[in-house]
Amino acid sequence: MNKYLKAQSWCLENNIKVYIVPIKGKKKCYVEINDDGQLIRSPKTYACQKDASDKIWDLFLYLYKQKEK
């Protein structure tokens, strides 16, 4: 299984969600992490959803490596 898909599956099973939050009236967006009810929004805005989507995969892998232990 792809390491990113494995990390995403693990995060979702452990109630960790990572998703895009669009900025109203703009094409930019944020990435937000919902870690069992604790919301963490990225300080950075992304110019397009493609860039944010790439970051989401990286975050799933990062969170998996940090919390899986």
PDB file of N, CA and C in Angstrom:
ATOM      1  N   MET A   1       0.844  -1.177   0.000  1.00  0.00           N
ATOM      2  CA  MET A   1       0.000   0.000   0.000  1.00  0.00           C
ATOM      3  C   MET A   1       0.897   1.250   0.000  1.00  0.00           C
ATOM      4  N   ASN A   2       0.496   2.233  -0.727  1.00  0.00           N
ATOM      5  CA  ASN A   2       1.179   3.515  -0.798  1.00  0.00           C
ATOM      6  C   ASN A   2       1.301   4.112   0.604  1.00  0.00           C
ATOM      7  N   LYS A   3       2.474   4.661   0.955  1.00  0.00           N
ATOM      8  CA  LYS A   3       2.693   5.188   2.305  1.00  0.00           C
ATOM      9  C   LYS A   3       1.748   6.342   2.639  1.00  0.00           C
ATOM     10  N   TYR A   4       1.368   7.131   1.648  1.00  0.00           N
ATOM     11  CA  TYR A   4       0.446   8.243   1.894  1.00  0.00           C
ATOM     12  C   TYR A   4      -0.962   7.733   2.188  1.00  0.00           C
ATOM     13  N   LEU A   5      -1.381   6.708   1.457  1.00  0.00           N
ATOM     14  CA  LEU A   5      -2.712   6.137   1.704  1.00  0.00           C
ATOM     15  C   LEU A   5      -2.759   5.437   3.059  1.00  0.00           C
ATOM     16  N   LYS A   6      -1.680   4.773   3.417  1.00  0.00           N
ATOM     17  CA  LYS A   6      -1.608   4.121   4.718  1.00  0.00           C
ATOM     18  C   LYS A   6      -1.693   5.162   5.834  1.00  0.00           C
ATOM     19  N   ALA A   7      -0.972   6.264   5.679  1.00  0.00           N
ATOM     20  CA  ALA A   7      -0.996   7.333   6.671  1.00  0.00           C
ATOM     21  C   ALA A   7      -2.385   7.964   6.754  1.00  0.00           C
ATOM     22  N   GLN A   8      -3.021   8.192   5.605  1.00  0.00           N
ATOM     23  CA  GLN A   8      -4.363   8.772   5.599  1.00  0.00           C
ATOM     24  C   GLN A   8      -5.351   7.836   6.289  1.00  0.00           C
ATOM     25  N   SER A   9      -5.299   6.558   5.989  1.00  0.00           N
ATOM     26  CA  SER A   9      -6.202   5.589   6.614  1.00  0.00           C
ATOM     27  C   SER A   9      -6.016   5.562   8.124  1.00  0.00           C
ATOM     28  N   TRP A  10      -4.762   5.559   8.564  1.00  0.00           N
ATOM     29  CA  TRP A  10      -4.478   5.544   9.997  1.00  0.00           C
ATOM     30  C   TRP A  10      -5.038   6.791  10.672  1.00  0.00           C
ATOM     31  N   CYS A  11      -4.813   7.946  10.053  1.00  0.00           N
ATOM     32  CA  CYS A  11      -5.314   9.207  10.623  1.00  0.00           C
ATOM     33  C   CYS A  11      -6.840   9.198  10.723  1.00  0.00           C
ATOM     34  N   LEU A  12      -7.506   8.784   9.684  1.00  0.00           N
ATOM     35  CA  LEU A  12      -8.969   8.772   9.703  1.00  0.00           C
ATOM     36  C   LEU A  12      -9.500   7.790  10.743  1.00  0.00           C
ATOM     37  N   GLU A  13      -8.857   6.645  10.887  1.00  0.00           N
ATOM     38  CA  GLU A  13      -9.259   5.670  11.904  1.00  0.00           C
ATOM     39  C   GLU A  13      -9.054   6.205  13.320  1.00  0.00           C
ATOM     40  N   ASN A  14      -8.124   7.147  13.475  1.00  0.00           N
ATOM     41  CA  ASN A  14      -7.823   7.726  14.777  1.00  0.00           C
ATOM     42  C   ASN A  14      -8.413   9.128  14.939  1.00  0.00           C
ATOM     43  N   ASN A  15      -9.440   9.409  14.167  1.00  0.00           N
ATOM     44  CA  ASN A  15     -10.221  10.646  14.257  1.00  0.00           C
ATOM     45  C   ASN A  15      -9.370  11.897  14.012  1.00  0.00           C
ATOM     46  N   ILE A  16      -8.447  11.800  13.055  1.00  0.00           N
ATOM     47  CA  ILE A  16      -7.648  12.950  12.635  1.00  0.00           C
ATOM     48  C   ILE A  16      -8.003  13.227  11.174  1.00  0.00           C
ATOM     49  N   LYS A  17      -8.514  14.416  10.935  1.00  0.00           N
ATOM     50  CA  LYS A  17      -8.914  14.785   9.577  1.00  0.00           C
ATOM     51  C   LYS A  17      -8.110  16.000   9.134  1.00  0.00           C
ATOM     52  N   VAL A  18      -7.729  16.035   7.883  1.00  0.00           N
ATOM     53  CA  VAL A  18      -7.000  17.162   7.301  1.00  0.00           C
ATOM     54  C   VAL A  18      -7.749  17.541   6.026  1.00  0.00           C
ATOM     55  N   TYR A  19      -8.088  18.821   5.912  1.00  0.00           N
ATOM     56  CA  TYR A  19      -8.922  19.228   4.776  1.00  0.00           C
ATOM     57  C   TYR A  19      -8.670  20.681   4.393  1.00  0.00           C
ATOM     58  N   ILE A  20      -9.201  21.054   3.232  1.00  0.00           N
ATOM     59  CA  ILE A  20      -9.069  22.391   2.673  1.00  0.00           C
ATOM     60  C   ILE A  20     -10.230  23.256   3.170  1.00  0.00           C
ATOM     61  N   VAL A  21      -9.897  24.505   3.538  1.00  0.00           N
ATOM     62  CA  VAL A  21     -10.910  25.496   3.918  1.00  0.00           C
ATOM     63  C   VAL A  21     -10.771  26.662   2.945  1.00  0.00           C
ATOM     64  N   PRO A  22     -11.748  26.848   2.055  1.00  0.00           N
ATOM     65  CA  PRO A  22     -11.655  27.953   1.097  1.00  0.00           C
ATOM     66  C   PRO A  22     -11.849  29.305   1.795  1.00  0.00           C
ATOM     67  N   ILE A  23     -11.238  30.334   1.264  1.00  0.00           N
ATOM     68  CA  ILE A  23     -11.415  31.693   1.766  1.00  0.00           C
ATOM     69  C   ILE A  23     -12.489  32.343   0.911  1.00  0.00           C
ATOM     70  N   LYS A  24     -13.556  32.762   1.552  1.00  0.00           N
ATOM     71  CA  LYS A  24     -14.713  33.311   0.844  1.00  0.00           C
ATOM     72  C   LYS A  24     -14.310  34.499  -0.028  1.00  0.00           C
ATOM     73  N   GLY A  25     -14.745  34.441  -1.273  1.00  0.00           N
ATOM     74  CA  GLY A  25     -14.505  35.523  -2.215  1.00  0.00           C
ATOM     75  C   GLY A  25     -13.118  35.524  -2.845  1.00  0.00           C
ATOM     76  N   LYS A  26     -12.298  34.523  -2.521  1.00  0.00           N
ATOM     77  CA  LYS A  26     -10.946  34.449  -3.080  1.00  0.00           C
ATOM     78  C   LYS A  26     -10.686  33.033  -3.584  1.00  0.00           C
ATOM     79  N   LYS A  27      -9.646  32.897  -4.387  1.00  0.00           N
ATOM     80  CA  LYS A  27      -9.261  31.566  -4.856  1.00  0.00           C
ATOM     81  C   LYS A  27      -8.330  30.877  -3.868  1.00  0.00           C
ATOM     82  N   LYS A  28      -7.841  31.619  -2.894  1.00  0.00           N
ATOM     83  CA  LYS A  28      -6.920  31.057  -1.910  1.00  0.00           C
ATOM     84  C   LYS A  28      -7.651  30.181  -0.900  1.00  0.00           C
ATOM     85  N   CYS A  29      -6.868  29.378  -0.180  1.00  0.00           N
ATOM     86  CA  CYS A  29      -7.452  28.505   0.833  1.00  0.00           C
ATOM     87  C   CYS A  29      -6.439  28.216   1.931  1.00  0.00           C
ATOM     88  N   TYR A  30      -6.950  27.684   3.025  1.00  0.00           N
ATOM     89  CA  TYR A  30      -6.143  27.228   4.145  1.00  0.00           C
ATOM     90  C   TYR A  30      -6.206  25.708   4.196  1.00  0.00           C
ATOM     91  N   VAL A  31      -5.326  25.119   4.984  1.00  0.00           N
ATOM     92  CA  VAL A  31      -5.422  23.707   5.330  1.00  0.00           C
ATOM     93  C   VAL A  31      -5.715  23.657   6.824  1.00  0.00           C
ATOM     94  N   GLU A  32      -6.659  22.824   7.204  1.00  0.00           N
ATOM     95  CA  GLU A  32      -7.037  22.715   8.605  1.00  0.00           C
ATOM     96  C   GLU A  32      -6.925  21.263   9.052  1.00  0.00           C
ATOM     97  N   ILE A  33      -6.446  21.075  10.286  1.00  0.00           N
ATOM     98  CA  ILE A  33      -6.354  19.751  10.890  1.00  0.00           C
ATOM     99  C   ILE A  33      -7.375  19.695  12.018  1.00  0.00           C
ATOM    100  N   ASN A  34      -8.190  18.658  12.030  1.00  0.00           N
ATOM    101  CA  ASN A  34      -9.124  18.405  13.125  1.00  0.00           C
ATOM    102  C   ASN A  34      -8.627  17.137  13.812  1.00  0.00           C
ATOM    103  N   ASP A  35      -7.940  17.337  14.923  1.00  0.00           N
ATOM    104  CA  ASP A  35      -7.368  16.224  15.680  1.00  0.00           C
ATOM    105  C   ASP A  35      -8.289  15.923  16.853  1.00  0.00           C
ATOM    106  N   ASP A  36      -9.282  15.084  16.604  1.00  0.00           N
ATOM    107  CA  ASP A  36     -10.260  14.687  17.624  1.00  0.00           C
ATOM    108  C   ASP A  36     -10.907  15.904  18.282  1.00  0.00           C
ATOM    109  N   GLY A  37     -11.280  16.879  17.465  1.00  0.00           N
ATOM    110  CA  GLY A  37     -11.978  18.069  17.946  1.00  0.00           C
ATOM    111  C   GLY A  37     -11.089  19.286  18.133  1.00  0.00           C
ATOM    112  N   GLN A  38      -9.783  19.109  18.179  1.00  0.00           N
ATOM    113  CA  GLN A  38      -8.860  20.233  18.295  1.00  0.00           C
ATOM    114  C   GLN A  38      -8.530  20.724  16.884  1.00  0.00           C
ATOM    115  N   LEU A  39      -8.916  21.967  16.587  1.00  0.00           N
ATOM    116  CA  LEU A  39      -8.714  22.514  15.253  1.00  0.00           C
ATOM    117  C   LEU A  39      -7.404  23.288  15.182  1.00  0.00           C
ATOM    118  N   ILE A  40      -6.642  23.010  14.142  1.00  0.00           N
ATOM    119  CA  ILE A  40      -5.382  23.712  13.891  1.00  0.00           C
ATOM    120  C   ILE A  40      -5.414  24.173  12.440  1.00  0.00           C
ATOM    121  N   ARG A  41      -5.381  25.487  12.235  1.00  0.00           N
ATOM    122  CA  ARG A  41      -5.403  26.034  10.880  1.00  0.00           C
ATOM    123  C   ARG A  41      -4.003  26.463  10.482  1.00  0.00           C
ATOM    124  N   SER A  42      -3.643  26.182   9.251  1.00  0.00           N
ATOM    125  CA  SER A  42      -2.315  26.562   8.765  1.00  0.00           C
ATOM    126  C   SER A  42      -2.180  28.084   8.773  1.00  0.00           C
ATOM    127  N   PRO A  43      -1.018  28.574   9.162  1.00  0.00           N
ATOM    128  CA  PRO A  43      -0.804  30.018   9.118  1.00  0.00           C
ATOM    129  C   PRO A  43      -0.627  30.509   7.676  1.00  0.00           C
ATOM    130  N   LYS A  44      -0.295  29.583   6.803  1.00  0.00           N
ATOM    131  CA  LYS A  44      -0.055  29.907   5.405  1.00  0.00           C
ATOM    132  C   LYS A  44      -1.336  29.743   4.597  1.00  0.00           C
ATOM    133  N   THR A  45      -1.536  30.625   3.619  1.00  0.00           N
ATOM    134  CA  THR A  45      -2.620  30.430   2.660  1.00  0.00           C
ATOM    135  C   THR A  45      -2.012  29.860   1.384  1.00  0.00           C
ATOM    136  N   TYR A  46      -2.805  29.097   0.683  1.00  0.00           N
ATOM    137  CA  TYR A  46      -2.347  28.458  -0.552  1.00  0.00           C
ATOM    138  C   TYR A  46      -3.065  29.092  -1.732  1.00  0.00           C
ATOM    139  N   ALA A  47      -2.314  29.329  -2.799  1.00  0.00           N
ATOM    140  CA  ALA A  47      -2.842  30.023  -3.971  1.00  0.00           C
ATOM    141  C   ALA A  47      -3.907  29.219  -4.707  1.00  0.00           C
ATOM    142  N   CYS A  48      -3.782  27.901  -4.632  1.00  0.00           N
ATOM    143  CA  CYS A  48      -4.762  27.059  -5.314  1.00  0.00           C
ATOM    144  C   CYS A  48      -4.957  25.761  -4.528  1.00  0.00           C
ATOM    145  N   GLN A  49      -6.049  25.089  -4.827  1.00  0.00           N
ATOM    146  CA  GLN A  49      -6.372  23.863  -4.104  1.00  0.00           C
ATOM    147  C   GLN A  49      -5.379  22.743  -4.402  1.00  0.00           C
ATOM    148  N   LYS A  50      -4.740  22.767  -5.549  1.00  0.00           N
ATOM    149  CA  LYS A  50      -3.735  21.749  -5.884  1.00  0.00           C
ATOM    150  C   LYS A  50      -2.572  21.810  -4.899  1.00  0.00           C
ATOM    151  N   ASP A  51      -2.089  23.014  -4.612  1.00  0.00           N
ATOM    152  CA  ASP A  51      -0.989  23.170  -3.654  1.00  0.00           C
ATOM    153  C   ASP A  51      -1.416  22.721  -2.261  1.00  0.00           C
ATOM    154  N   ALA A  52      -2.626  23.084  -1.869  1.00  0.00           N
ATOM    155  CA  ALA A  52      -3.149  22.695  -0.555  1.00  0.00           C
ATOM    156  C   ALA A  52      -3.328  21.179  -0.482  1.00  0.00           C
ATOM    157  N   SER A  53      -3.777  20.579  -1.549  1.00  0.00           N
ATOM    158  CA  SER A  53      -3.977  19.130  -1.587  1.00  0.00           C
ATOM    159  C   SER A  53      -2.643  18.391  -1.414  1.00  0.00           C
ATOM    160  N   ASP A  54      -1.602  18.892  -2.065  1.00  0.00           N
ATOM    161  CA  ASP A  54      -0.272  18.291  -1.907  1.00  0.00           C
ATOM    162  C   ASP A  54       0.181  18.388  -0.454  1.00  0.00           C
ATOM    163  N   LYS A  55      -0.081  19.525   0.182  1.00  0.00           N
ATOM    164  CA  LYS A  55       0.299  19.718   1.582  1.00  0.00           C
ATOM    165  C   LYS A  55      -0.470  18.760   2.497  1.00  0.00           C
ATOM    166  N   ILE A  56      -1.718  18.492   2.171  1.00  0.00           N
ATOM    167  CA  ILE A  56      -2.533  17.583   2.971  1.00  0.00           C
ATOM    168  C   ILE A  56      -1.903  16.196   3.023  1.00  0.00           C
ATOM    169  N   TRP A  57      -1.433  15.689   1.897  1.00  0.00           N
ATOM    170  CA  TRP A  57      -0.788  14.372   1.876  1.00  0.00           C
ATOM    171  C   TRP A  57       0.457  14.365   2.760  1.00  0.00           C
ATOM    172  N   ASP A  58       1.232  15.451   2.689  1.00  0.00           N
ATOM    173  CA  ASP A  58       2.423  15.562   3.537  1.00  0.00           C
ATOM    174  C   ASP A  58       2.040  15.588   5.020  1.00  0.00           C
ATOM    175  N   LEU A  59       0.965  16.289   5.344  1.00  0.00           N
ATOM    176  CA  LEU A  59       0.521  16.367   6.740  1.00  0.00           C
ATOM    177  C   LEU A  59       0.025  15.021   7.249  1.00  0.00           C
ATOM    178  N   PHE A  60      -0.719  14.280   6.440  1.00  0.00           N
ATOM    179  CA  PHE A  60      -1.154  12.943   6.850  1.00  0.00           C
ATOM    180  C   PHE A  60       0.062  12.083   7.207  1.00  0.00           C
ATOM    181  N   LEU A  61       1.078  12.114   6.366  1.00  0.00           N
ATOM    182  CA  LEU A  61       2.278  11.321   6.606  1.00  0.00           C
ATOM    183  C   LEU A  61       3.004  11.807   7.864  1.00  0.00           C
ATOM    184  N   TYR A  62       3.124  13.103   8.036  1.00  0.00           N
ATOM    185  CA  TYR A  62       3.779  13.668   9.221  1.00  0.00           C
ATOM    186  C   TYR A  62       3.041  13.259  10.500  1.00  0.00           C
ATOM    187  N   LEU A  63       1.725  13.428  10.497  1.00  0.00           N
ATOM    188  CA  LEU A  63       0.931  13.092  11.685  1.00  0.00           C
ATOM    189  C   LEU A  63       1.005  11.601  11.997  1.00  0.00           C
ATOM    190  N   TYR A  64       0.976  10.789  10.974  1.00  0.00           N
ATOM    191  CA  TYR A  64       1.085   9.336  11.157  1.00  0.00           C
ATOM    192  C   TYR A  64       2.410   8.986  11.827  1.00  0.00           C
ATOM    193  N   LYS A  65       3.490   9.552  11.319  1.00  0.00           N
ATOM    194  CA  LYS A  65       4.816   9.250  11.876  1.00  0.00           C
ATOM    195  C   LYS A  65       4.949   9.748  13.320  1.00  0.00           C
ATOM    196  N   GLN A  66       4.336  10.889  13.624  1.00  0.00           N
ATOM    197  CA  GLN A  66       4.439  11.461  14.968  1.00  0.00           C
ATOM    198  C   GLN A  66       3.584  10.737  15.999  1.00  0.00           C
ATOM    199  N   LYS A  67       2.385  10.342  15.605  1.00  0.00           N
ATOM    200  CA  LYS A  67       1.416   9.832  16.575  1.00  0.00           C
ATOM    201  C   LYS A  67       1.273   8.314  16.602  1.00  0.00           C
ATOM    202  N   GLU A  68       1.755   7.640  15.585  1.00  0.00           N
ATOM    203  CA  GLU A  68       1.576   6.202  15.461  1.00  0.00           C
ATOM    204  C   GLU A  68       2.376   5.440  16.505  1.00  0.00           C
ATOM    205  N   LYS A  69       3.417   6.030  17.005  1.00  0.00           N
ATOM    206  CA  LYS A  69       4.333   5.345  17.939  1.00  0.00           C
ATOM    207  C   LYS A  69       3.656   4.954  19.217  1.00  0.00           C
TER     208      LYS A  69
END
